Amino acid sequence: MRRARNISKVGGIASGSIPLVSLIQLLSVAEYLNFRHAANALGVTQSSVSTRIKALEEALGIVLFERRHRGVRLTEAGRHFVYEVSVGIEQIDHAVRTAGAVANGTVGRLTIGLHGSIATGFLADLRRHYRAAHPEIEQSIIEGASSHTLAMIREGELDVAFIVNVTDVPDCHSQHLWSEALVIALPATHPLATLKSLIWADLVTETFLVRQGGPGRSFLSISSGAWPNMDDHRVFSGVTLGGIH
């Protein structure tokens, strides 16, 4: 386990011995190579810039600029220090910008849990529209049964979950989004094939083929309110969820 640093013993900005404003003025002087021009660009006095740069050199124990009659020139140590400072300032600027963007939801990651059987259709269109409206937000998908994704919501591991056949989740904010009809595939010679519609009671004596380890078993039991006859098979997830002998 890493030990936290004692900030009070760290030199530089962390200890307060080098003010951030001194580094900003350093970058301005390095850009203009002239104290007066740098001061004008920053809207401060030339003496203020000169004093801060001198104090910075004393704090670092190095000479950053060679003073000349018409300006200054960076020393080798000064060039190295200015480069490192400019990288650090860019990182600070990036941190400030992205912190606000993440807070207001314009960038970041959205972790989505969903049931494999509803990954297409309405939900695919919804995700596509969201991606178009929020291109800076990465969508991370985790597939699982409704009970599993709900548990992840409660543990804070998911931002949102799309679940099936669960109408009330007391400890979560939930909303019904859409409904879909189940379609069953039958051989043309099957006795039920002549019916225009079916109810679950018509299927209680039939055997469903479901993928072993897949969502079919729990999905069918929830939908029908009972456990129909099921025959588990080791098949790829792309194979149809269920069929009837």
C-alpha atoms as a PDB file:
ATOM      1  CA  MET A   1       0.000   0.000   0.000  1.00  0.00           C
ATOM      2  CA  ARG A   2       1.344   3.421  -0.936  1.00  0.00           C
ATOM      3  CA  ARG A   3       1.943   5.847   1.900  1.00  0.00           C
ATOM      4  CA  ALA A   4       0.465   9.334   1.539  1.00  0.00           C
ATOM      5  CA  ARG A   5       3.058  12.077   1.278  1.00  0.00           C
ATOM      6  CA  ASN A   6       3.407  14.632   4.038  1.00  0.00           C
ATOM      7  CA  ILE A   7       2.539  17.773   2.062  1.00  0.00           C
ATOM      8  CA  SER A   8       3.995  20.057   4.716  1.00  0.00           C
ATOM      9  CA  LYS A   9       7.461  18.674   3.921  1.00  0.00           C
ATOM     10  CA  VAL A  10       7.172  19.057   0.153  1.00  0.00           C
ATOM     11  CA  GLY A  11       8.747  22.130  -1.388  1.00  0.00           C
ATOM     12  CA  GLY A  12       7.468  24.323  -4.209  1.00  0.00           C
ATOM     13  CA  ILE A  13       3.792  25.062  -4.845  1.00  0.00           C
ATOM     14  CA  ALA A  14       2.573  22.436  -2.364  1.00  0.00           C
ATOM     15  CA  SER A  15       4.374  24.174   0.504  1.00  0.00           C
ATOM     16  CA  GLY A  16       3.381  27.650  -0.638  1.00  0.00           C
ATOM     17  CA  SER A  17       6.987  28.779  -1.142  1.00  0.00           C
ATOM     18  CA  ILE A  18       6.383  29.274  -4.882  1.00  0.00           C
ATOM     19  CA  PRO A  19       3.099  31.060  -5.661  1.00  0.00           C
ATOM     20  CA  LEU A  20       1.277  29.933  -8.791  1.00  0.00           C
ATOM     21  CA  VAL A  21       1.150  33.548  -9.991  1.00  0.00           C
ATOM     22  CA  SER A  22       4.958  33.555 -10.131  1.00  0.00           C
ATOM     23  CA  LEU A  23       4.870  30.632 -12.563  1.00  0.00           C
ATOM     24  CA  ILE A  24       2.261  32.384 -14.717  1.00  0.00           C
ATOM     25  CA  GLN A  25       4.478  35.456 -14.885  1.00  0.00           C
ATOM     26  CA  LEU A  26       7.479  33.240 -15.655  1.00  0.00           C
ATOM     27  CA  LEU A  27       5.712  31.842 -18.730  1.00  0.00           C
ATOM     28  CA  SER A  28       4.811  35.326 -19.899  1.00  0.00           C
ATOM     29  CA  VAL A  29       8.403  36.543 -19.597  1.00  0.00           C
ATOM     30  CA  ALA A  30       9.604  33.404 -21.413  1.00  0.00           C
ATOM     31  CA  GLU A  31       7.157  34.183 -24.225  1.00  0.00           C
ATOM     32  CA  TYR A  32       8.021  37.879 -24.661  1.00  0.00           C
ATOM     33  CA  LEU A  33      11.655  37.740 -23.428  1.00  0.00           C
ATOM     34  CA  ASN A  34      11.022  41.190 -22.025  1.00  0.00           C
ATOM     35  CA  PHE A  35       9.830  42.154 -18.534  1.00  0.00           C
ATOM     36  CA  ARG A  36       7.946  45.246 -19.687  1.00  0.00           C
ATOM     37  CA  HIS A  37       6.093  43.482 -22.502  1.00  0.00           C
ATOM     38  CA  ALA A  38       5.233  40.562 -20.231  1.00  0.00           C
ATOM     39  CA  ALA A  39       3.928  42.958 -17.571  1.00  0.00           C
ATOM     40  CA  ASN A  40       1.769  44.779 -20.140  1.00  0.00           C
ATOM     41  CA  ALA A  41       0.309  41.479 -21.349  1.00  0.00           C
ATOM     42  CA  LEU A  42      -0.544  40.469 -17.776  1.00  0.00           C
ATOM     43  CA  GLY A  43      -1.850  43.896 -16.777  1.00  0.00           C
ATOM     44  CA  VAL A  44       0.622  44.325 -13.910  1.00  0.00           C
ATOM     45  CA  THR A  45       3.627  46.538 -13.284  1.00  0.00           C
ATOM     46  CA  GLN A  46       7.077  45.719 -14.598  1.00  0.00           C
ATOM     47  CA  SER A  47       8.537  45.937 -11.100  1.00  0.00           C
ATOM     48  CA  SER A  48       6.047  43.321  -9.881  1.00  0.00           C
ATOM     49  CA  VAL A  49       7.140  40.888 -12.584  1.00  0.00           C
ATOM     50  CA  SER A  50      10.839  41.551 -11.996  1.00  0.00           C
ATOM     51  CA  THR A  51      10.459  41.070  -8.244  1.00  0.00           C
ATOM     52  CA  ARG A  52       8.562  37.790  -8.601  1.00  0.00           C
ATOM     53  CA  ILE A  53      11.023  36.343 -11.122  1.00  0.00           C
ATOM     54  CA  LYS A  54      13.938  37.290  -8.866  1.00  0.00           C
ATOM     55  CA  ALA A  55      12.235  35.649  -5.872  1.00  0.00           C
ATOM     56  CA  LEU A  56      11.521  32.556  -7.974  1.00  0.00           C
ATOM     57  CA  GLU A  57      15.174  32.258  -8.976  1.00  0.00           C
ATOM     58  CA  GLU A  58      16.221  32.576  -5.337  1.00  0.00           C
ATOM     59  CA  ALA A  59      13.713  29.923  -4.247  1.00  0.00           C
ATOM     60  CA  LEU A  60      14.967  27.529  -6.943  1.00  0.00           C
ATOM     61  CA  GLY A  61      18.621  28.391  -6.479  1.00  0.00           C
ATOM     62  CA  ILE A  62      19.159  28.837 -10.230  1.00  0.00           C
ATOM     63  CA  VAL A  63      19.279  31.653 -12.773  1.00  0.00           C
ATOM     64  CA  LEU A  64      16.333  31.437 -15.169  1.00  0.00           C
ATOM     65  CA  PHE A  65      17.087  34.444 -17.380  1.00  0.00           C
ATOM     66  CA  GLU A  66      20.180  36.218 -18.585  1.00  0.00           C
ATOM     67  CA  ARG A  67      19.445  39.943 -18.285  1.00  0.00           C
ATOM     68  CA  ARG A  68      20.337  41.998 -21.348  1.00  0.00           C
ATOM     69  CA  HIS A  69      20.054  45.658 -22.259  1.00  0.00           C
ATOM     70  CA  ARG A  70      16.984  45.121 -24.479  1.00  0.00           C
ATOM     71  CA  GLY A  71      15.431  42.124 -22.823  1.00  0.00           C
ATOM     72  CA  VAL A  72      16.260  38.724 -21.398  1.00  0.00           C
ATOM     73  CA  ARG A  73      17.263  35.280 -22.625  1.00  0.00           C
ATOM     74  CA  LEU A  74      16.471  31.932 -21.047  1.00  0.00           C
ATOM     75  CA  THR A  75      19.352  29.975 -19.585  1.00  0.00           C
ATOM     76  CA  GLU A  76      19.580  26.237 -20.246  1.00  0.00           C
ATOM     77  CA  ALA A  77      18.149  25.565 -16.785  1.00  0.00           C
ATOM     78  CA  GLY A  78      15.491  28.188 -17.481  1.00  0.00           C
ATOM     79  CA  ARG A  79      14.415  26.509 -20.731  1.00  0.00           C
ATOM     80  CA  HIS A  80      14.038  23.168 -18.987  1.00  0.00           C
ATOM     81  CA  PHE A  81      12.097  24.688 -16.088  1.00  0.00           C
ATOM     82  CA  VAL A  82       9.793  26.697 -18.362  1.00  0.00           C
ATOM     83  CA  TYR A  83       8.963  23.579 -20.383  1.00  0.00           C
ATOM     84  CA  GLU A  84       8.032  21.596 -17.263  1.00  0.00           C
ATOM     85  CA  VAL A  85       5.987  24.490 -15.868  1.00  0.00           C
ATOM     86  CA  SER A  86       4.086  24.941 -19.146  1.00  0.00           C
ATOM     87  CA  VAL A  87       3.154  21.249 -19.147  1.00  0.00           C
ATOM     88  CA  GLY A  88       1.984  21.518 -15.547  1.00  0.00           C
ATOM     89  CA  ILE A  89      -0.102  24.633 -16.217  1.00  0.00           C
ATOM     90  CA  GLU A  90      -1.761  22.912 -19.190  1.00  0.00           C
ATOM     91  CA  GLN A  91      -2.647  19.979 -16.946  1.00  0.00           C
ATOM     92  CA  ILE A  92      -4.145  22.325 -14.364  1.00  0.00           C
ATOM     93  CA  ASP A  93      -6.189  24.074 -17.070  1.00  0.00           C
ATOM     94  CA  HIS A  94      -7.367  20.690 -18.363  1.00  0.00           C
ATOM     95  CA  ALA A  95      -8.332  19.594 -14.847  1.00  0.00           C
ATOM     96  CA  VAL A  96     -10.384  22.758 -14.333  1.00  0.00           C
ATOM     97  CA  ARG A  97     -12.155  22.409 -17.690  1.00  0.00           C
ATOM     98  CA  THR A  98     -12.916  18.708 -17.396  1.00  0.00           C
ATOM     99  CA  ALA A  99     -14.039  18.952 -13.770  1.00  0.00           C
ATOM    100  CA  GLY A 100     -16.823  21.299 -14.802  1.00  0.00           C
ATOM    101  CA  ALA A 101     -17.672  19.229 -17.879  1.00  0.00           C
ATOM    102  CA  VAL A 102     -17.947  16.006 -15.872  1.00  0.00           C
ATOM    103  CA  ALA A 103     -20.055  17.751 -13.239  1.00  0.00           C
ATOM    104  CA  ASN A 104     -22.586  19.016 -15.798  1.00  0.00           C
ATOM    105  CA  GLY A 105     -22.622  15.740 -17.742  1.00  0.00           C
ATOM    106  CA  THR A 106     -21.043  16.853 -21.023  1.00  0.00           C
ATOM    107  CA  VAL A 107     -18.081  14.449 -20.798  1.00  0.00           C
ATOM    108  CA  GLY A 108     -17.384  11.231 -18.931  1.00  0.00           C
ATOM    109  CA  ARG A 109     -18.558   7.636 -18.952  1.00  0.00           C
ATOM    110  CA  LEU A 110     -22.048   6.168 -18.660  1.00  0.00           C
ATOM    111  CA  THR A 111     -22.067   2.571 -17.418  1.00  0.00           C
ATOM    112  CA  ILE A 112     -25.199   0.776 -18.606  1.00  0.00           C
ATOM    113  CA  GLY A 113     -26.546  -2.583 -17.484  1.00  0.00           C
ATOM    114  CA  LEU A 114     -28.991  -4.380 -19.723  1.00  0.00           C
ATOM    115  CA  HIS A 115     -30.700  -7.685 -20.369  1.00  0.00           C
ATOM    116  CA  GLY A 116     -29.248  -9.364 -23.459  1.00  0.00           C
ATOM    117  CA  SER A 117     -32.674  -9.954 -24.981  1.00  0.00           C
ATOM    118  CA  ILE A 118     -33.416  -6.204 -25.276  1.00  0.00           C
ATOM    119  CA  ALA A 119     -30.058  -4.978 -26.592  1.00  0.00           C
ATOM    120  CA  THR A 120     -31.470  -4.277 -30.063  1.00  0.00           C
ATOM    121  CA  GLY A 121     -34.488  -2.390 -31.378  1.00  0.00           C
ATOM    122  CA  PHE A 122     -35.745   0.432 -29.172  1.00  0.00           C
ATOM    123  CA  LEU A 123     -32.761   0.361 -26.822  1.00  0.00           C
ATOM    124  CA  ALA A 124     -30.210   0.354 -29.655  1.00  0.00           C
ATOM    125  CA  ASP A 125     -31.931   3.393 -31.186  1.00  0.00           C
ATOM    126  CA  LEU A 126     -32.030   5.117 -27.797  1.00  0.00           C
ATOM    127  CA  ARG A 127     -28.296   4.589 -27.260  1.00  0.00           C
ATOM    128  CA  ARG A 128     -27.542   5.770 -30.800  1.00  0.00           C
ATOM    129  CA  HIS A 129     -29.494   8.997 -30.301  1.00  0.00           C
ATOM    130  CA  TYR A 130     -27.823   9.588 -26.933  1.00  0.00           C
ATOM    131  CA  ARG A 131     -24.385   9.091 -28.494  1.00  0.00           C
ATOM    132  CA  ALA A 132     -25.206  11.626 -31.211  1.00  0.00           C
ATOM    133  CA  ALA A 133     -26.380  14.164 -28.619  1.00  0.00           C
ATOM    134  CA  HIS A 134     -23.484  13.508 -26.198  1.00  0.00           C
ATOM    135  CA  PRO A 135     -20.450  12.426 -28.266  1.00  0.00           C
ATOM    136  CA  GLU A 136     -18.007  13.079 -25.396  1.00  0.00           C
ATOM    137  CA  ILE A 137     -19.696  10.544 -23.104  1.00  0.00           C
ATOM    138  CA  GLU A 138     -18.421   6.981 -23.439  1.00  0.00           C
ATOM    139  CA  GLN A 139     -21.023   4.233 -23.085  1.00  0.00           C
ATOM    140  CA  SER A 140     -19.869   1.118 -21.252  1.00  0.00           C
ATOM    141  CA  ILE A 141     -22.241  -1.868 -21.548  1.00  0.00           C
ATOM    142  CA  ILE A 142     -22.572  -4.703 -19.032  1.00  0.00           C
ATOM    143  CA  GLU A 143     -25.012  -7.508 -19.877  1.00  0.00           C
ATOM    144  CA  GLY A 144     -26.740  -9.522 -17.198  1.00  0.00           C
ATOM    145  CA  ALA A 145     -30.005 -10.705 -15.731  1.00  0.00           C
ATOM    146  CA  SER A 146     -32.270  -8.073 -14.195  1.00  0.00           C
ATOM    147  CA  SER A 147     -31.478  -9.237 -10.657  1.00  0.00           C
ATOM    148  CA  HIS A 148     -27.746  -8.897 -11.349  1.00  0.00           C
ATOM    149  CA  THR A 149     -27.900  -5.417 -12.883  1.00  0.00           C
ATOM    150  CA  LEU A 150     -30.214  -4.199 -10.100  1.00  0.00           C
ATOM    151  CA  ALA A 151     -27.679  -5.398  -7.538  1.00  0.00           C
ATOM    152  CA  MET A 152     -24.969  -3.466  -9.395  1.00  0.00           C
ATOM    153  CA  ILE A 153     -27.155  -0.339  -9.353  1.00  0.00           C
ATOM    154  CA  ARG A 154     -27.534  -0.649  -5.587  1.00  0.00           C
ATOM    155  CA  GLU A 155     -23.771  -1.085  -5.180  1.00  0.00           C
ATOM    156  CA  GLY A 156     -23.083   1.995  -7.303  1.00  0.00           C
ATOM    157  CA  GLU A 157     -21.372  -0.042 -10.041  1.00  0.00           C
ATOM    158  CA  LEU A 158     -23.846   1.034 -12.754  1.00  0.00           C
ATOM    159  CA  ASP A 159     -25.291   4.425 -13.654  1.00  0.00           C
ATOM    160  CA  VAL A 160     -28.448   3.014 -15.220  1.00  0.00           C
ATOM    161  CA  ALA A 161     -29.950  -0.414 -15.904  1.00  0.00           C
ATOM    162  CA  PHE A 162     -32.566  -1.510 -18.432  1.00  0.00           C
ATOM    163  CA  ILE A 163     -34.456  -4.477 -17.005  1.00  0.00           C
ATOM    164  CA  VAL A 164     -37.388  -6.631 -18.119  1.00  0.00           C
ATOM    165  CA  ASN A 165     -40.579  -7.703 -16.355  1.00  0.00           C
ATOM    166  CA  VAL A 166     -39.825  -5.805 -13.156  1.00  0.00           C
ATOM    167  CA  THR A 167     -42.550  -3.240 -12.550  1.00  0.00           C
ATOM    168  CA  ASP A 168     -41.619  -1.918  -9.107  1.00  0.00           C
ATOM    169  CA  VAL A 169     -38.181  -1.269  -7.611  1.00  0.00           C
ATOM    170  CA  PRO A 170     -38.882   0.488  -4.281  1.00  0.00           C
ATOM    171  CA  ASP A 171     -35.300   1.512  -3.481  1.00  0.00           C
ATOM    172  CA  CYS A 172     -34.460   2.811  -6.985  1.00  0.00           C
ATOM    173  CA  HIS A 173     -35.813   5.431  -9.353  1.00  0.00           C
ATOM    174  CA  SER A 174     -37.557   3.450 -12.092  1.00  0.00           C
ATOM    175  CA  GLN A 175     -39.752   4.219 -15.086  1.00  0.00           C
ATOM    176  CA  HIS A 176     -41.550   2.071 -17.644  1.00  0.00           C
ATOM    177  CA  LEU A 177     -40.140   2.870 -21.099  1.00  0.00           C
ATOM    178  CA  TRP A 178     -41.684   0.516 -23.624  1.00  0.00           C
ATOM    179  CA  SER A 179     -43.450  -2.812 -24.144  1.00  0.00           C
ATOM    180  CA  GLU A 180     -42.772  -5.524 -26.681  1.00  0.00           C
ATOM    181  CA  ALA A 181     -44.798  -8.534 -27.760  1.00  0.00           C
ATOM    182  CA  LEU A 182     -43.161 -11.953 -27.626  1.00  0.00           C
ATOM    183  CA  VAL A 183     -43.157 -13.849 -30.899  1.00  0.00           C
ATOM    184  CA  ILE A 184     -42.977 -17.627 -30.951  1.00  0.00           C
ATOM    185  CA  ALA A 185     -41.704 -19.719 -33.865  1.00  0.00           C
ATOM    186  CA  LEU A 186     -43.655 -22.892 -34.674  1.00  0.00           C
ATOM    187  CA  PRO A 187     -43.404 -25.541 -37.380  1.00  0.00           C
ATOM    188  CA  ALA A 188     -46.187 -25.155 -39.943  1.00  0.00           C
ATOM    189  CA  THR A 189     -47.546 -28.574 -38.929  1.00  0.00           C
ATOM    190  CA  HIS A 190     -47.745 -27.737 -35.218  1.00  0.00           C
ATOM    191  CA  PRO A 191     -51.320 -27.819 -33.808  1.00  0.00           C
ATOM    192  CA  LEU A 192     -50.935 -24.267 -32.448  1.00  0.00           C
ATOM    193  CA  ALA A 193     -49.717 -22.827 -35.762  1.00  0.00           C
ATOM    194  CA  THR A 194     -53.276 -22.184 -36.942  1.00  0.00           C
ATOM    195  CA  LEU A 195     -54.042 -19.828 -34.039  1.00  0.00           C
ATOM    196  CA  LYS A 196     -53.687 -16.070 -34.592  1.00  0.00           C
ATOM    197  CA  SER A 197     -52.491 -15.474 -31.029  1.00  0.00           C
ATOM    198  CA  LEU A 198     -51.376 -17.516 -28.045  1.00  0.00           C
ATOM    199  CA  ILE A 199     -51.413 -17.181 -24.284  1.00  0.00           C
ATOM    200  CA  TRP A 200     -48.983 -18.831 -21.896  1.00  0.00           C
ATOM    201  CA  ALA A 201     -51.583 -21.407 -20.886  1.00  0.00           C
ATOM    202  CA  ASP A 202     -51.469 -22.747 -24.454  1.00  0.00           C
ATOM    203  CA  LEU A 203     -47.776 -23.540 -24.031  1.00  0.00           C
ATOM    204  CA  VAL A 204     -47.598 -25.261 -20.643  1.00  0.00           C
ATOM    205  CA  THR A 205     -47.129 -28.698 -22.204  1.00  0.00           C
ATOM    206  CA  GLU A 206     -44.523 -27.565 -24.732  1.00  0.00           C
ATOM    207  CA  THR A 207     -40.755 -27.806 -24.318  1.00  0.00           C
ATOM    208  CA  PHE A 208     -38.579 -24.709 -24.816  1.00  0.00           C
ATOM    209  CA  LEU A 209     -34.988 -24.861 -26.014  1.00  0.00           C
ATOM    210  CA  VAL A 210     -32.881 -22.411 -24.004  1.00  0.00           C
ATOM    211  CA  ARG A 211     -29.188 -21.606 -23.972  1.00  0.00           C
ATOM    212  CA  GLN A 212     -27.404 -23.051 -20.975  1.00  0.00           C
ATOM    213  CA  GLY A 213     -26.309 -20.200 -18.717  1.00  0.00           C
ATOM    214  CA  GLY A 214     -28.336 -17.698 -20.753  1.00  0.00           C
ATOM    215  CA  PRO A 215     -31.301 -15.550 -19.712  1.00  0.00           C
ATOM    216  CA  GLY A 216     -33.949 -17.775 -21.317  1.00  0.00           C
ATOM    217  CA  ARG A 217     -34.844 -19.826 -18.243  1.00  0.00           C
ATOM    218  CA  SER A 218     -35.463 -16.876 -15.914  1.00  0.00           C
ATOM    219  CA  PHE A 219     -37.067 -14.830 -18.690  1.00  0.00           C
ATOM    220  CA  LEU A 220     -39.620 -17.512 -19.535  1.00  0.00           C
ATOM    221  CA  SER A 221     -40.455 -18.223 -15.903  1.00  0.00           C
ATOM    222  CA  ILE A 222     -41.052 -14.531 -15.167  1.00  0.00           C
ATOM    223  CA  SER A 223     -43.153 -14.029 -18.292  1.00  0.00           C
ATOM    224  CA  SER A 224     -45.341 -17.085 -17.801  1.00  0.00           C
ATOM    225  CA  GLY A 225     -45.568 -17.020 -14.014  1.00  0.00           C
ATOM    226  CA  ALA A 226     -44.555 -20.694 -13.966  1.00  0.00           C
ATOM    227  CA  TRP A 227     -41.715 -22.976 -15.000  1.00  0.00           C
ATOM    228  CA  PRO A 228     -42.442 -24.348 -18.497  1.00  0.00           C
ATOM    229  CA  ASN A 229     -40.676 -27.475 -19.716  1.00  0.00           C
ATOM    230  CA  MET A 230     -37.143 -26.484 -20.677  1.00  0.00           C
ATOM    231  CA  ASP A 231     -34.318 -28.292 -22.394  1.00  0.00           C
ATOM    232  CA  ASP A 232     -30.920 -26.639 -21.810  1.00  0.00           C
ATOM    233  CA  HIS A 233     -28.386 -26.699 -24.648  1.00  0.00           C
ATOM    234  CA  ARG A 234     -24.821 -25.441 -24.972  1.00  0.00           C
ATOM    235  CA  VAL A 235     -25.180 -23.019 -27.878  1.00  0.00           C
ATOM    236  CA  PHE A 236     -23.715 -19.666 -28.860  1.00  0.00           C
ATOM    237  CA  SER A 237     -25.521 -16.540 -27.662  1.00  0.00           C
ATOM    238  CA  GLY A 238     -26.443 -15.665 -31.250  1.00  0.00           C
ATOM    239  CA  VAL A 239     -28.765 -18.674 -31.484  1.00  0.00           C
ATOM    240  CA  THR A 240     -32.486 -17.938 -31.016  1.00  0.00           C
ATOM    241  CA  LEU A 241     -33.559 -17.768 -27.370  1.00  0.00           C
ATOM    242  CA  GLY A 242     -36.322 -20.331 -27.517  1.00  0.00           C
ATOM    243  CA  GLY A 243     -38.222 -22.640 -29.801  1.00  0.00           C
ATOM    244  CA  ILE A 244     -40.779 -25.408 -29.496  1.00  0.00           C
ATOM    245  CA  HIS A 245     -40.509 -29.077 -30.432  1.00  0.00           C
END
